[in-house]
């Protein structure tokens, strides 16, 4: 859906969000990611973005920066 068309229903009404909200420990709002860097820096690694079709609700998740993954 990165190209703007839903593969399920062919709608062109696609919503993009660069941060998928996650309620972590203590209900803090964080972006959904595969992991965190060391405890001091505490940077998200493999943060997800999402594309959602407004027509049918189909969703696709992508990792924004795959170079951060080991």
PDB file of N, CA and C in Angstrom:
ATOM      1  N   UNK A   1       0.809  -1.202   0.000  1.00  0.00           N
ATOM      2  CA  UNK A   1       0.000   0.000   0.000  1.00  0.00           C
ATOM      3  C   UNK A   1       0.851   1.264   0.000  1.00  0.00           C
ATOM      4  N   UNK A   2       2.153   1.107   0.063  1.00  0.00           N
ATOM      5  CA  UNK A   2       3.028   2.278   0.009  1.00  0.00           C
ATOM      6  C   UNK A   2       2.808   3.077  -1.275  1.00  0.00           C
ATOM      7  N   UNK A   3       2.294   2.423  -2.297  1.00  0.00           N
ATOM      8  CA  UNK A   3       2.047   3.114  -3.573  1.00  0.00           C
ATOM      9  C   UNK A   3       0.690   3.794  -3.616  1.00  0.00           C
ATOM     10  N   UNK A   4      -0.087   3.649  -2.536  1.00  0.00           N
ATOM     11  CA  UNK A   4      -1.347   4.376  -2.443  1.00  0.00           C
ATOM     12  C   UNK A   4      -2.584   3.638  -2.890  1.00  0.00           C
ATOM     13  N   UNK A   5      -2.468   2.333  -3.153  1.00  0.00           N
ATOM     14  CA  UNK A   5      -3.630   1.546  -3.566  1.00  0.00           C
ATOM     15  C   UNK A   5      -3.715   0.284  -2.724  1.00  0.00           C
ATOM     16  N   UNK A   6      -4.890  -0.026  -2.237  1.00  0.00           N
ATOM     17  CA  UNK A   6      -5.104  -1.220  -1.429  1.00  0.00           C
ATOM     18  C   UNK A   6      -5.070  -2.464  -2.312  1.00  0.00           C
ATOM     19  N   UNK A   7      -4.273  -3.479  -1.952  1.00  0.00           N
ATOM     20  CA  UNK A   7      -4.223  -4.699  -2.759  1.00  0.00           C
ATOM     21  C   UNK A   7      -5.456  -5.587  -2.597  1.00  0.00           C
ATOM     22  N   UNK A   8      -6.279  -5.325  -1.596  1.00  0.00           N
ATOM     23  CA  UNK A   8      -7.470  -6.148  -1.353  1.00  0.00           C
ATOM     24  C   UNK A   8      -8.707  -5.620  -2.078  1.00  0.00           C
ATOM     25  N   UNK A   9      -8.940  -4.295  -1.986  1.00  0.00           N
ATOM     26  CA  UNK A   9     -10.178  -3.746  -2.571  1.00  0.00           C
ATOM     27  C   UNK A   9      -9.907  -2.683  -3.634  1.00  0.00           C
ATOM     28  N   UNK A  10      -8.663  -2.380  -3.906  1.00  0.00           N
ATOM     29  CA  UNK A  10      -8.186  -1.386  -4.889  1.00  0.00           C
ATOM     30  C   UNK A  10      -8.566   0.051  -4.570  1.00  0.00           C
ATOM     31  N   UNK A  11      -8.981   0.327  -3.342  1.00  0.00           N
ATOM     32  CA  UNK A  11      -9.281   1.703  -2.943  1.00  0.00           C
ATOM     33  C   UNK A  11      -7.990   2.521  -2.929  1.00  0.00           C
ATOM     34  N   UNK A  12      -8.112   3.793  -3.258  1.00  0.00           N
ATOM     35  CA  UNK A  12      -6.952   4.692  -3.197  1.00  0.00           C
ATOM     36  C   UNK A  12      -6.981   5.547  -1.927  1.00  0.00           C
ATOM     37  N   UNK A  13      -7.895   5.251  -1.024  1.00  0.00           N
ATOM     38  CA  UNK A  13      -7.986   5.981   0.240  1.00  0.00           C
ATOM     39  C   UNK A  13      -7.152   5.243   1.285  1.00  0.00           C
ATOM     40  N   UNK A  14      -5.857   5.546   1.300  1.00  0.00           N
ATOM     41  CA  UNK A  14      -4.909   4.874   2.191  1.00  0.00           C
ATOM     42  C   UNK A  14      -4.381   5.873   3.208  1.00  0.00           C
ATOM     43  N   UNK A  15      -4.481   5.499   4.473  1.00  0.00           N
ATOM     44  CA  UNK A  15      -3.962   6.336   5.562  1.00  0.00           C
ATOM     45  C   UNK A  15      -2.594   5.801   5.972  1.00  0.00           C
ATOM     46  N   UNK A  16      -1.636   6.709   6.224  1.00  0.00           N
ATOM     47  CA  UNK A  16      -0.286   6.339   6.650  1.00  0.00           C
ATOM     48  C   UNK A  16      -0.004   6.948   8.007  1.00  0.00           C
ATOM     49  N   UNK A  17       0.617   6.179   8.885  1.00  0.00           N
ATOM     50  CA  UNK A  17       1.079   6.692  10.171  1.00  0.00           C
ATOM     51  C   UNK A  17       2.508   6.217  10.388  1.00  0.00           C
ATOM     52  N   UNK A  18       3.407   7.146  10.671  1.00  0.00           N
ATOM     53  CA  UNK A  18       4.814   6.818  10.891  1.00  0.00           C
ATOM     54  C   UNK A  18       5.065   6.283  12.293  1.00  0.00           C
ATOM     55  N   UNK A  19       4.088   6.358  13.167  1.00  0.00           N
ATOM     56  CA  UNK A  19       4.240   5.846  14.526  1.00  0.00           C
ATOM     57  C   UNK A  19       2.996   5.050  14.906  1.00  0.00           C
ATOM     58  N   UNK A  20       3.183   3.761  15.140  1.00  0.00           N
ATOM     59  CA  UNK A  20       2.098   2.906  15.606  1.00  0.00           C
ATOM     60  C   UNK A  20       2.160   2.947  17.130  1.00  0.00           C
ATOM     61  N   UNK A  21       1.144   3.501  17.759  1.00  0.00           N
ATOM     62  CA  UNK A  21       1.179   3.699  19.206  1.00  0.00           C
ATOM     63  C   UNK A  21       1.098   2.367  19.954  1.00  0.00           C
ATOM     64  N   UNK A  22       1.899   2.276  21.010  1.00  0.00           N
ATOM     65  CA  UNK A  22       1.944   1.096  21.863  1.00  0.00           C
ATOM     66  C   UNK A  22       1.924   1.575  23.302  1.00  0.00           C
ATOM     67  N   UNK A  23       1.113   0.970  24.109  1.00  0.00           N
ATOM     68  CA  UNK A  23       1.079   1.301  25.533  1.00  0.00           C
ATOM     69  C   UNK A  23       2.046   0.373  26.250  1.00  0.00           C
ATOM     70  N   UNK A  24       3.226   0.879  26.561  1.00  0.00           N
ATOM     71  CA  UNK A  24       4.242   0.071  27.222  1.00  0.00           C
ATOM     72  C   UNK A  24       4.024   0.008  28.720  1.00  0.00           C
ATOM     73  N   UNK A  25       5.034  -0.389  29.440  1.00  0.00           N
ATOM     74  CA  UNK A  25       4.971  -0.450  30.896  1.00  0.00           C
ATOM     75  C   UNK A  25       4.617   0.916  31.460  1.00  0.00           C
ATOM     76  N   UNK A  26       3.705   0.955  32.400  1.00  0.00           N
ATOM     77  CA  UNK A  26       3.293   2.217  32.998  1.00  0.00           C
ATOM     78  C   UNK A  26       2.376   3.028  32.116  1.00  0.00           C
ATOM     79  N   UNK A  27       1.830   2.410  31.063  1.00  0.00           N
ATOM     80  CA  UNK A  27       0.915   3.080  30.131  1.00  0.00           C
ATOM     81  C   UNK A  27       1.525   4.269  29.410  1.00  0.00           C
ATOM     82  N   UNK A  28       2.842   4.316  29.302  1.00  0.00           N
ATOM     83  CA  UNK A  28       3.492   5.377  28.527  1.00  0.00           C
ATOM     84  C   UNK A  28       3.249   5.118  27.046  1.00  0.00           C
ATOM     85  N   UNK A  29       2.917   6.153  26.296  1.00  0.00           N
ATOM     86  CA  UNK A  29       2.673   6.012  24.866  1.00  0.00           C
ATOM     87  C   UNK A  29       4.012   5.964  24.135  1.00  0.00           C
ATOM     88  N   UNK A  30       4.289   4.842  23.486  1.00  0.00           N
ATOM     89  CA  UNK A  30       5.526   4.643  22.747  1.00  0.00           C
ATOM     90  C   UNK A  30       5.193   4.213  21.332  1.00  0.00           C
ATOM     91  N   UNK A  31       6.154   4.352  20.439  1.00  0.00           N
ATOM     92  CA  UNK A  31       5.982   3.822  19.094  1.00  0.00           C
ATOM     93  C   UNK A  31       6.332   2.337  19.111  1.00  0.00           C
ATOM     94  N   UNK A  32       5.558   1.530  18.407  1.00  0.00           N
ATOM     95  CA  UNK A  32       5.775   0.097  18.336  1.00  0.00           C
ATOM     96  C   UNK A  32       7.080  -0.178  17.586  1.00  0.00           C
ATOM     97  N   UNK A  33       7.939  -1.001  18.187  1.00  0.00           N
ATOM     98  CA  UNK A  33       9.235  -1.310  17.595  1.00  0.00           C
ATOM     99  C   UNK A  33       9.624  -2.734  17.950  1.00  0.00           C
ATOM    100  N   UNK A  34      10.627  -3.256  17.252  1.00  0.00           N
ATOM    101  CA  UNK A  34      11.112  -4.603  17.514  1.00  0.00           C
ATOM    102  C   UNK A  34      11.961  -4.677  18.774  1.00  0.00           C
ATOM    103  N   UNK A  35      12.563  -3.576  19.164  1.00  0.00           N
ATOM    104  CA  UNK A  35      13.405  -3.578  20.352  1.00  0.00           C
ATOM    105  C   UNK A  35      13.859  -2.178  20.710  1.00  0.00           C
ATOM    106  N   UNK A  36      14.661  -2.117  21.750  1.00  0.00           N
ATOM    107  CA  UNK A  36      15.213  -0.841  22.206  1.00  0.00           C
ATOM    108  C   UNK A  36      16.724  -0.976  22.264  1.00  0.00           C
ATOM    109  N   UNK A  37      17.419   0.143  22.082  1.00  0.00           N
ATOM    110  CA  UNK A  37      18.868   0.137  22.219  1.00  0.00           C
ATOM    111  C   UNK A  37      19.211   0.004  23.703  1.00  0.00           C
ATOM    112  N   UNK A  38      20.438   0.213  24.051  1.00  0.00           N
ATOM    113  CA  UNK A  38      20.852   0.067  25.451  1.00  0.00           C
ATOM    114  C   UNK A  38      20.001   0.942  26.383  1.00  0.00           C
ATOM    115  N   UNK A  39      19.933   0.602  27.675  1.00  0.00           N
ATOM    116  CA  UNK A  39      19.047   1.318  28.612  1.00  0.00           C
ATOM    117  C   UNK A  39      19.329   2.814  28.743  1.00  0.00           C
ATOM    118  N   UNK A  40      20.553   3.231  28.520  1.00  0.00           N
ATOM    119  CA  UNK A  40      20.888   4.653  28.675  1.00  0.00           C
ATOM    120  C   UNK A  40      20.357   5.461  27.490  1.00  0.00           C
ATOM    121  N   UNK A  41      20.633   5.005  26.286  1.00  0.00           N
ATOM    122  CA  UNK A  41      20.178   5.725  25.088  1.00  0.00           C
ATOM    123  C   UNK A  41      18.683   5.521  24.856  1.00  0.00           C
ATOM    124  N   UNK A  42      18.199   4.307  25.105  1.00  0.00           N
ATOM    125  CA  UNK A  42      16.778   3.946  24.992  1.00  0.00           C
ATOM    126  C   UNK A  42      16.132   4.429  23.694  1.00  0.00           C
ATOM    127  N   UNK A  43      16.752   4.093  22.584  1.00  0.00           N
ATOM    128  CA  UNK A  43      16.240   4.453  21.262  1.00  0.00           C
ATOM    129  C   UNK A  43      15.535   3.254  20.651  1.00  0.00           C
ATOM    130  N   UNK A  44      14.412   3.494  19.980  1.00  0.00           N
ATOM    131  CA  UNK A  44      13.679   2.415  19.328  1.00  0.00           C
ATOM    132  C   UNK A  44      14.482   1.854  18.160  1.00  0.00           C
ATOM    133  N   UNK A  45      14.491   0.533  18.029  1.00  0.00           N
ATOM    134  CA  UNK A  45      15.130  -0.138  16.901  1.00  0.00           C
ATOM    135  C   UNK A  45      14.063  -0.898  16.130  1.00  0.00           C
ATOM    136  N   UNK A  46      14.015  -0.694  14.846  1.00  0.00           N
ATOM    137  CA  UNK A  46      13.009  -1.375  14.027  1.00  0.00           C
ATOM    138  C   UNK A  46      11.615  -0.832  14.261  1.00  0.00           C
ATOM    139  N   UNK A  47      11.513   0.499  14.304  1.00  0.00           N
ATOM    140  CA  UNK A  47      10.202   1.125  14.525  1.00  0.00           C
ATOM    141  C   UNK A  47       9.278   0.844  13.346  1.00  0.00           C
ATOM    142  N   UNK A  48       8.017   0.534  13.672  1.00  0.00           N
ATOM    143  CA  UNK A  48       7.023   0.227  12.647  1.00  0.00           C
ATOM    144  C   UNK A  48       6.265   1.471  12.178  1.00  0.00           C
ATOM    145  N   UNK A  49       5.902   1.451  10.906  1.00  0.00           N
ATOM    146  CA  UNK A  49       4.937   2.393  10.355  1.00  0.00           C
ATOM    147  C   UNK A  49       3.793   1.534   9.823  1.00  0.00           C
ATOM    148  N   UNK A  50       2.619   2.150   9.624  1.00  0.00           N
ATOM    149  CA  UNK A  50       1.466   1.377   9.167  1.00  0.00           C
ATOM    150  C   UNK A  50       0.734   2.119   8.057  1.00  0.00           C
ATOM    151  N   UNK A  51       0.193   1.328   7.119  1.00  0.00           N
ATOM    152  CA  UNK A  51      -0.674   1.826   6.059  1.00  0.00           C
ATOM    153  C   UNK A  51      -2.015   1.125   6.239  1.00  0.00           C
ATOM    154  N   UNK A  52      -3.098   1.896   6.270  1.00  0.00           N
ATOM    155  CA  UNK A  52      -4.430   1.336   6.497  1.00  0.00           C
ATOM    156  C   UNK A  52      -5.369   1.798   5.390  1.00  0.00           C
ATOM    157  N   UNK A  53      -6.077   0.858   4.791  1.00  0.00           N
ATOM    158  CA  UNK A  53      -7.075   1.183   3.773  1.00  0.00           C
ATOM    159  C   UNK A  53      -8.330   1.693   4.477  1.00  0.00           C
ATOM    160  N   UNK A  54      -8.782   2.869   4.095  1.00  0.00           N
ATOM    161  CA  UNK A  54     -10.003   3.424   4.673  1.00  0.00           C
ATOM    162  C   UNK A  54     -11.252   2.763   4.096  1.00  0.00           C
ATOM    163  N   UNK A  55     -11.098   2.059   2.994  1.00  0.00           N
ATOM    164  CA  UNK A  55     -12.231   1.390   2.375  1.00  0.00           C
ATOM    165  C   UNK A  55     -12.595   0.075   3.042  1.00  0.00           C
ATOM    166  N   UNK A  56     -11.584  -0.766   3.319  1.00  0.00           N
ATOM    167  CA  UNK A  56     -11.866  -2.097   3.864  1.00  0.00           C
ATOM    168  C   UNK A  56     -11.159  -2.398   5.183  1.00  0.00           C
ATOM    169  N   UNK A  57     -10.216  -1.556   5.597  1.00  0.00           N
ATOM    170  CA  UNK A  57      -9.525  -1.769   6.859  1.00  0.00           C
ATOM    171  C   UNK A  57      -8.270  -2.619   6.772  1.00  0.00           C
ATOM    172  N   UNK A  58      -7.961  -3.124   5.596  1.00  0.00           N
ATOM    173  CA  UNK A  58      -6.733  -3.909   5.440  1.00  0.00           C
ATOM    174  C   UNK A  58      -5.542  -3.060   5.854  1.00  0.00           C
ATOM    175  N   UNK A  59      -4.575  -3.666   6.568  1.00  0.00           N
ATOM    176  CA  UNK A  59      -3.419  -2.924   7.084  1.00  0.00           C
ATOM    177  C   UNK A  59      -2.122  -3.642   6.742  1.00  0.00           C
ATOM    178  N   UNK A  60      -1.075  -2.838   6.526  1.00  0.00           N
ATOM    179  CA  UNK A  60       0.268  -3.365   6.297  1.00  0.00           C
ATOM    180  C   UNK A  60       1.241  -2.634   7.204  1.00  0.00           C
ATOM    181  N   UNK A  61       2.077  -3.405   7.916  1.00  0.00           N
ATOM    182  CA  UNK A  61       3.109  -2.843   8.775  1.00  0.00           C
ATOM    183  C   UNK A  61       4.467  -2.987   8.095  1.00  0.00           C
ATOM    184  N   UNK A  62       5.304  -1.974   8.221  1.00  0.00           N
ATOM    185  CA  UNK A  62       6.661  -1.996   7.677  1.00  0.00           C
ATOM    186  C   UNK A  62       7.615  -1.460   8.731  1.00  0.00           C
ATOM    187  N   UNK A  63       8.843  -1.985   8.762  1.00  0.00           N
ATOM    188  CA  UNK A  63       9.899  -1.408   9.595  1.00  0.00           C
ATOM    189  C   UNK A  63      10.476  -0.236   8.814  1.00  0.00           C
ATOM    190  N   UNK A  64      10.555   0.921   9.466  1.00  0.00           N
ATOM    191  CA  UNK A  64      10.987   2.147   8.793  1.00  0.00           C
ATOM    192  C   UNK A  64      12.443   2.058   8.350  1.00  0.00           C
ATOM    193  N   UNK A  65      13.330   1.626   9.242  1.00  0.00           N
ATOM    194  CA  UNK A  65      14.769   1.593   8.935  1.00  0.00           C
ATOM    195  C   UNK A  65      15.324   0.205   9.243  1.00  0.00           C
ATOM    196  N   UNK A  66      15.425  -0.645   8.240  1.00  0.00           N
ATOM    197  CA  UNK A  66      15.898  -2.018   8.457  1.00  0.00           C
ATOM    198  C   UNK A  66      17.407  -2.088   8.723  1.00  0.00           C
ATOM    199  N   UNK A  67      18.138  -1.020   8.462  1.00  0.00           N
ATOM    200  CA  UNK A  67      19.589  -1.035   8.722  1.00  0.00           C
ATOM    201  C   UNK A  67      19.895  -1.078  10.219  1.00  0.00           C
ATOM    202  N   UNK A  68      18.925  -0.753  11.052  1.00  0.00           N
ATOM    203  CA  UNK A  68      19.121  -0.796  12.499  1.00  0.00           C
ATOM    204  C   UNK A  68      19.060  -2.219  13.060  1.00  0.00           C
ATOM    205  N   UNK A  69      18.556  -3.152  12.273  1.00  0.00           N
ATOM    206  CA  UNK A  69      18.392  -4.521  12.744  1.00  0.00           C
ATOM    207  C   UNK A  69      19.702  -5.291  12.632  1.00  0.00           C
ATOM    208  N   UNK A  70      19.939  -6.144  13.605  1.00  0.00           N
ATOM    209  CA  UNK A  70      21.166  -6.950  13.590  1.00  0.00           C
ATOM    210  C   UNK A  70      21.008  -8.165  12.713  1.00  0.00           C
TER     211      UNK A  70
END
